[in-house]
Amino acid sequence: MSPQTTNDEDLEVWIDQELCTGDGICAQYAPEIFELDIDGLAYVKSEQDELLQTPGATTRIPLDVLTDVVDSAKECPGECIHVRRVTDRVEVYGPDAEDA
């Protein structure tokens, strides 16, 4: 089975806090993945539910919330949510995706 055809290809997400508007749409769509911090900006959370505040921090996206994460990226007014493949780091959803 080639990597392009697997249904469980690993995807990760990160947020560019410099572009985050703090609207919280992402946390509404996928609270398992996103959270607003005390600074009013959104961050991704680790698999252990820990807020990842390092710039460019990524977290893997479980398949059961993938649609919610993709919807977050599409609806984000700051266009700051980036979803990419883990294997080659190519953005598949978000402002830098080729089909965006």
N, C-alpha and C. Protein backbone atom coordinates (compact mmCIF):
# COMPACT_ATOMS: atom_id res chain seq x y z
N MET A 1 0.86 -1.19 0.00
CA MET A 1 0.00 0.00 0.00
C MET A 1 0.90 1.24 0.00
N SER A 2 0.68 2.12 -0.94
CA SER A 2 1.53 3.31 -1.04
C SER A 2 1.03 4.39 -0.07
N PRO A 3 1.93 5.28 0.37
CA PRO A 3 1.52 6.33 1.32
C PRO A 3 0.40 7.22 0.80
N GLN A 4 0.31 7.40 -0.52
CA GLN A 4 -0.71 8.29 -1.08
C GLN A 4 -2.11 7.69 -0.95
N THR A 5 -2.20 6.38 -0.79
CA THR A 5 -3.51 5.75 -0.81
C THR A 5 -4.02 5.35 0.56
N THR A 6 -3.21 5.51 1.59
CA THR A 6 -3.68 5.12 2.91
C THR A 6 -4.75 6.10 3.39
N ASN A 7 -5.74 5.59 4.08
CA ASN A 7 -6.79 6.44 4.62
C ASN A 7 -6.39 7.03 5.97
N ASP A 8 -5.30 6.53 6.54
CA ASP A 8 -4.92 6.99 7.87
C ASP A 8 -3.60 7.76 7.83
N GLU A 9 -3.35 8.45 6.74
CA GLU A 9 -2.12 9.24 6.63
C GLU A 9 -2.10 10.28 7.75
N ASP A 10 -0.97 10.36 8.40
CA ASP A 10 -0.86 11.28 9.53
C ASP A 10 -0.83 12.73 9.07
N LEU A 11 -1.68 13.52 9.70
CA LEU A 11 -1.72 14.95 9.47
C LEU A 11 -1.46 15.65 10.79
N GLU A 12 -0.85 16.83 10.69
CA GLU A 12 -0.61 17.64 11.88
C GLU A 12 -1.10 19.06 11.61
N VAL A 13 -1.30 19.81 12.68
CA VAL A 13 -1.81 21.17 12.56
C VAL A 13 -0.98 22.09 13.43
N TRP A 14 -0.82 23.32 12.97
CA TRP A 14 -0.17 24.35 13.78
C TRP A 14 -0.85 25.68 13.50
N ILE A 15 -0.66 26.61 14.42
CA ILE A 15 -1.27 27.94 14.31
C ILE A 15 -0.18 29.00 14.30
N ASP A 16 -0.31 29.94 13.37
CA ASP A 16 0.59 31.09 13.33
C ASP A 16 -0.02 32.17 14.22
N GLN A 17 0.47 32.28 15.44
CA GLN A 17 -0.10 33.22 16.40
C GLN A 17 0.02 34.68 15.94
N GLU A 18 0.98 34.99 15.08
CA GLU A 18 1.12 36.36 14.59
C GLU A 18 -0.08 36.78 13.75
N LEU A 19 -0.79 35.80 13.19
CA LEU A 19 -1.97 36.10 12.36
C LEU A 19 -3.28 35.84 13.09
N CYS A 20 -3.20 35.21 14.26
CA CYS A 20 -4.41 34.83 15.00
C CYS A 20 -5.17 36.08 15.45
N THR A 21 -6.48 36.08 15.19
CA THR A 21 -7.33 37.20 15.58
C THR A 21 -8.04 36.96 16.91
N GLY A 22 -7.90 35.75 17.46
CA GLY A 22 -8.50 35.44 18.75
C GLY A 22 -10.00 35.25 18.71
N ASP A 23 -10.57 35.00 17.54
CA ASP A 23 -12.02 34.82 17.43
C ASP A 23 -12.51 33.55 18.12
N GLY A 24 -11.65 32.55 18.21
CA GLY A 24 -12.02 31.32 18.90
C GLY A 24 -12.85 30.35 18.10
N ILE A 25 -13.00 30.59 16.81
CA ILE A 25 -13.77 29.68 15.96
C ILE A 25 -13.16 28.28 16.01
N CYS A 26 -11.85 28.20 16.00
CA CYS A 26 -11.18 26.91 16.01
C CYS A 26 -11.50 26.13 17.28
N ALA A 27 -11.50 26.81 18.41
CA ALA A 27 -11.79 26.14 19.68
C ALA A 27 -13.26 25.70 19.76
N GLN A 28 -14.13 26.40 19.04
CA GLN A 28 -15.53 26.00 18.99
C GLN A 28 -15.70 24.74 18.14
N TYR A 29 -15.00 24.71 16.99
CA TYR A 29 -15.09 23.56 16.09
C TYR A 29 -14.41 22.33 16.67
N ALA A 30 -13.20 22.50 17.20
CA ALA A 30 -12.39 21.35 17.64
C ALA A 30 -11.71 21.64 18.97
N PRO A 31 -12.48 21.65 20.07
CA PRO A 31 -11.89 21.95 21.38
C PRO A 31 -10.85 20.90 21.83
N GLU A 32 -10.87 19.72 21.20
CA GLU A 32 -9.88 18.70 21.53
C GLU A 32 -8.49 19.10 21.03
N ILE A 33 -8.45 19.98 20.02
CA ILE A 33 -7.20 20.35 19.36
C ILE A 33 -6.78 21.78 19.68
N PHE A 34 -7.73 22.70 19.73
CA PHE A 34 -7.44 24.12 19.88
C PHE A 34 -7.94 24.67 21.21
N GLU A 35 -7.22 25.67 21.70
CA GLU A 35 -7.64 26.36 22.93
C GLU A 35 -7.11 27.79 22.90
N LEU A 36 -7.93 28.71 23.40
CA LEU A 36 -7.48 30.10 23.55
C LEU A 36 -6.75 30.21 24.88
N ASP A 37 -5.61 30.88 24.87
CA ASP A 37 -4.84 31.08 26.09
C ASP A 37 -5.19 32.42 26.71
N ILE A 38 -4.58 32.71 27.83
CA ILE A 38 -4.84 33.96 28.55
C ILE A 38 -4.49 35.19 27.71
N ASP A 39 -3.59 35.02 26.72
CA ASP A 39 -3.21 36.13 25.85
C ASP A 39 -4.26 36.39 24.76
N GLY A 40 -5.32 35.57 24.72
CA GLY A 40 -6.38 35.76 23.74
C GLY A 40 -6.12 35.11 22.40
N LEU A 41 -5.00 34.40 22.28
CA LEU A 41 -4.65 33.75 21.01
C LEU A 41 -4.88 32.25 21.10
N ALA A 42 -5.08 31.64 19.94
CA ALA A 42 -5.31 30.21 19.88
C ALA A 42 -4.00 29.44 19.76
N TYR A 43 -4.00 28.27 20.38
CA TYR A 43 -2.85 27.36 20.35
C TYR A 43 -3.37 25.95 20.15
N VAL A 44 -2.49 25.07 19.66
CA VAL A 44 -2.84 23.66 19.57
C VAL A 44 -2.51 22.98 20.89
N LYS A 45 -3.15 21.84 21.11
CA LYS A 45 -2.91 21.07 22.32
C LYS A 45 -2.28 19.72 21.95
N SER A 46 -1.47 19.23 22.85
CA SER A 46 -0.84 17.93 22.65
C SER A 46 -1.86 16.81 22.85
N GLU A 47 -1.45 15.58 22.56
CA GLU A 47 -2.34 14.44 22.77
C GLU A 47 -2.66 14.28 24.25
N GLN A 48 -1.83 14.84 25.13
CA GLN A 48 -2.07 14.81 26.57
C GLN A 48 -2.87 16.02 27.05
N ASP A 49 -3.45 16.79 26.12
CA ASP A 49 -4.29 17.95 26.41
C ASP A 49 -3.49 19.12 27.00
N GLU A 50 -2.19 19.15 26.70
CA GLU A 50 -1.32 20.23 27.17
C GLU A 50 -1.25 21.32 26.09
N LEU A 51 -1.40 22.58 26.51
CA LEU A 51 -1.31 23.71 25.58
C LEU A 51 0.13 23.86 25.10
N LEU A 52 0.31 23.89 23.78
CA LEU A 52 1.65 24.00 23.19
C LEU A 52 1.88 25.44 22.75
N GLN A 53 2.67 26.17 23.53
CA GLN A 53 2.83 27.61 23.30
C GLN A 53 4.09 27.98 22.54
N THR A 54 4.90 27.01 22.16
CA THR A 54 6.09 27.29 21.37
C THR A 54 5.65 27.68 19.96
N PRO A 55 6.19 28.78 19.41
CA PRO A 55 5.80 29.16 18.04
C PRO A 55 6.06 28.02 17.06
N GLY A 56 5.05 27.72 16.24
CA GLY A 56 5.17 26.66 15.25
C GLY A 56 4.94 25.27 15.80
N ALA A 57 4.54 25.15 17.07
CA ALA A 57 4.29 23.83 17.66
C ALA A 57 3.16 23.14 16.90
N THR A 58 3.34 21.85 16.67
CA THR A 58 2.35 21.08 15.93
C THR A 58 1.78 19.98 16.81
N THR A 59 0.60 19.51 16.42
CA THR A 59 0.00 18.35 17.05
C THR A 59 -0.64 17.50 15.96
N ARG A 60 -0.61 16.20 16.16
CA ARG A 60 -1.24 15.30 15.19
C ARG A 60 -2.75 15.38 15.32
N ILE A 61 -3.42 15.16 14.20
CA ILE A 61 -4.87 15.28 14.15
C ILE A 61 -5.49 13.88 14.14
N PRO A 62 -6.22 13.52 15.19
CA PRO A 62 -6.92 12.23 15.16
C PRO A 62 -7.99 12.24 14.06
N LEU A 63 -8.17 11.12 13.42
CA LEU A 63 -9.10 11.02 12.30
C LEU A 63 -10.52 11.45 12.67
N ASP A 64 -10.93 11.19 13.91
CA ASP A 64 -12.30 11.51 14.30
C ASP A 64 -12.58 13.01 14.42
N VAL A 65 -11.54 13.85 14.45
CA VAL A 65 -11.77 15.30 14.49
C VAL A 65 -11.20 16.01 13.27
N LEU A 66 -10.77 15.25 12.27
CA LEU A 66 -10.16 15.85 11.08
C LEU A 66 -11.10 16.84 10.39
N THR A 67 -12.35 16.48 10.22
CA THR A 67 -13.31 17.38 9.56
C THR A 67 -13.45 18.68 10.33
N ASP A 68 -13.51 18.60 11.66
CA ASP A 68 -13.63 19.80 12.48
C ASP A 68 -12.40 20.69 12.34
N VAL A 69 -11.22 20.08 12.29
CA VAL A 69 -9.98 20.86 12.14
C VAL A 69 -9.93 21.52 10.77
N VAL A 70 -10.32 20.80 9.73
CA VAL A 70 -10.34 21.36 8.37
C VAL A 70 -11.35 22.51 8.29
N ASP A 71 -12.52 22.33 8.89
CA ASP A 71 -13.51 23.40 8.91
C ASP A 71 -12.97 24.63 9.65
N SER A 72 -12.23 24.40 10.71
CA SER A 72 -11.61 25.51 11.45
C SER A 72 -10.66 26.28 10.55
N ALA A 73 -9.84 25.56 9.81
CA ALA A 73 -8.88 26.21 8.91
C ALA A 73 -9.60 27.01 7.83
N LYS A 74 -10.71 26.46 7.33
CA LYS A 74 -11.46 27.15 6.27
C LYS A 74 -12.17 28.39 6.79
N GLU A 75 -12.67 28.35 8.02
CA GLU A 75 -13.48 29.43 8.58
C GLU A 75 -12.68 30.48 9.34
N CYS A 76 -11.44 30.21 9.63
CA CYS A 76 -10.62 31.11 10.44
C CYS A 76 -10.45 32.47 9.76
N PRO A 77 -10.89 33.55 10.41
CA PRO A 77 -10.75 34.88 9.80
C PRO A 77 -9.29 35.34 9.70
N GLY A 78 -8.44 34.81 10.56
CA GLY A 78 -7.03 35.19 10.52
C GLY A 78 -6.20 34.38 9.54
N GLU A 79 -6.81 33.34 8.97
CA GLU A 79 -6.12 32.43 8.05
C GLU A 79 -4.78 32.00 8.63
N CYS A 80 -4.82 31.54 9.89
CA CYS A 80 -3.59 31.21 10.59
C CYS A 80 -3.45 29.73 10.92
N ILE A 81 -4.42 28.90 10.51
CA ILE A 81 -4.39 27.47 10.82
C ILE A 81 -3.83 26.72 9.62
N HIS A 82 -2.80 25.93 9.88
CA HIS A 82 -2.10 25.19 8.82
C HIS A 82 -2.18 23.69 9.11
N VAL A 83 -2.72 22.93 8.16
CA VAL A 83 -2.79 21.48 8.27
C VAL A 83 -1.87 20.90 7.20
N ARG A 84 -0.95 20.03 7.64
CA ARG A 84 0.01 19.47 6.69
C ARG A 84 0.25 17.99 6.97
N ARG A 85 0.75 17.32 5.94
CA ARG A 85 1.12 15.91 6.09
C ARG A 85 2.39 15.84 6.93
N VAL A 86 2.46 14.86 7.80
CA VAL A 86 3.63 14.67 8.64
C VAL A 86 4.81 14.20 7.79
N THR A 87 4.53 13.33 6.81
CA THR A 87 5.60 12.69 6.04
C THR A 87 6.46 13.68 5.26
N ASP A 88 5.83 14.61 4.55
CA ASP A 88 6.60 15.53 3.70
C ASP A 88 6.36 17.00 4.04
N ARG A 89 5.56 17.26 5.09
CA ARG A 89 5.29 18.61 5.59
C ARG A 89 4.63 19.51 4.53
N VAL A 90 3.92 18.92 3.59
CA VAL A 90 3.18 19.67 2.58
C VAL A 90 1.83 20.06 3.16
N GLU A 91 1.52 21.35 3.07
CA GLU A 91 0.24 21.85 3.59
C GLU A 91 -0.90 21.39 2.69
N VAL A 92 -1.90 20.77 3.30
CA VAL A 92 -3.04 20.27 2.54
C VAL A 92 -4.31 21.10 2.78
N TYR A 93 -4.37 21.81 3.90
CA TYR A 93 -5.47 22.74 4.19
C TYR A 93 -4.86 23.96 4.88
N GLY A 94 -5.40 25.12 4.56
CA GLY A 94 -4.91 26.34 5.16
C GLY A 94 -4.45 27.33 4.11
N PRO A 95 -3.93 28.47 4.54
CA PRO A 95 -3.61 29.55 3.61
C PRO A 95 -2.48 29.21 2.63
N ASP A 96 -1.60 28.26 2.97
CA ASP A 96 -0.49 27.92 2.08
C ASP A 96 -0.73 26.65 1.27
N ALA A 97 -1.93 26.07 1.37
CA ALA A 97 -2.25 24.88 0.59
C ALA A 97 -2.33 25.25 -0.88
N GLU A 98 -1.86 24.34 -1.74
CA GLU A 98 -1.82 24.63 -3.17
C GLU A 98 -3.19 24.87 -3.77
N ASP A 99 -4.22 24.21 -3.22
CA ASP A 99 -5.56 24.39 -3.78
C ASP A 99 -6.40 25.40 -3.00
N ALA A 100 -5.75 26.17 -2.14
CA ALA A 100 -6.49 27.15 -1.32
C ALA A 100 -6.96 28.31 -2.15
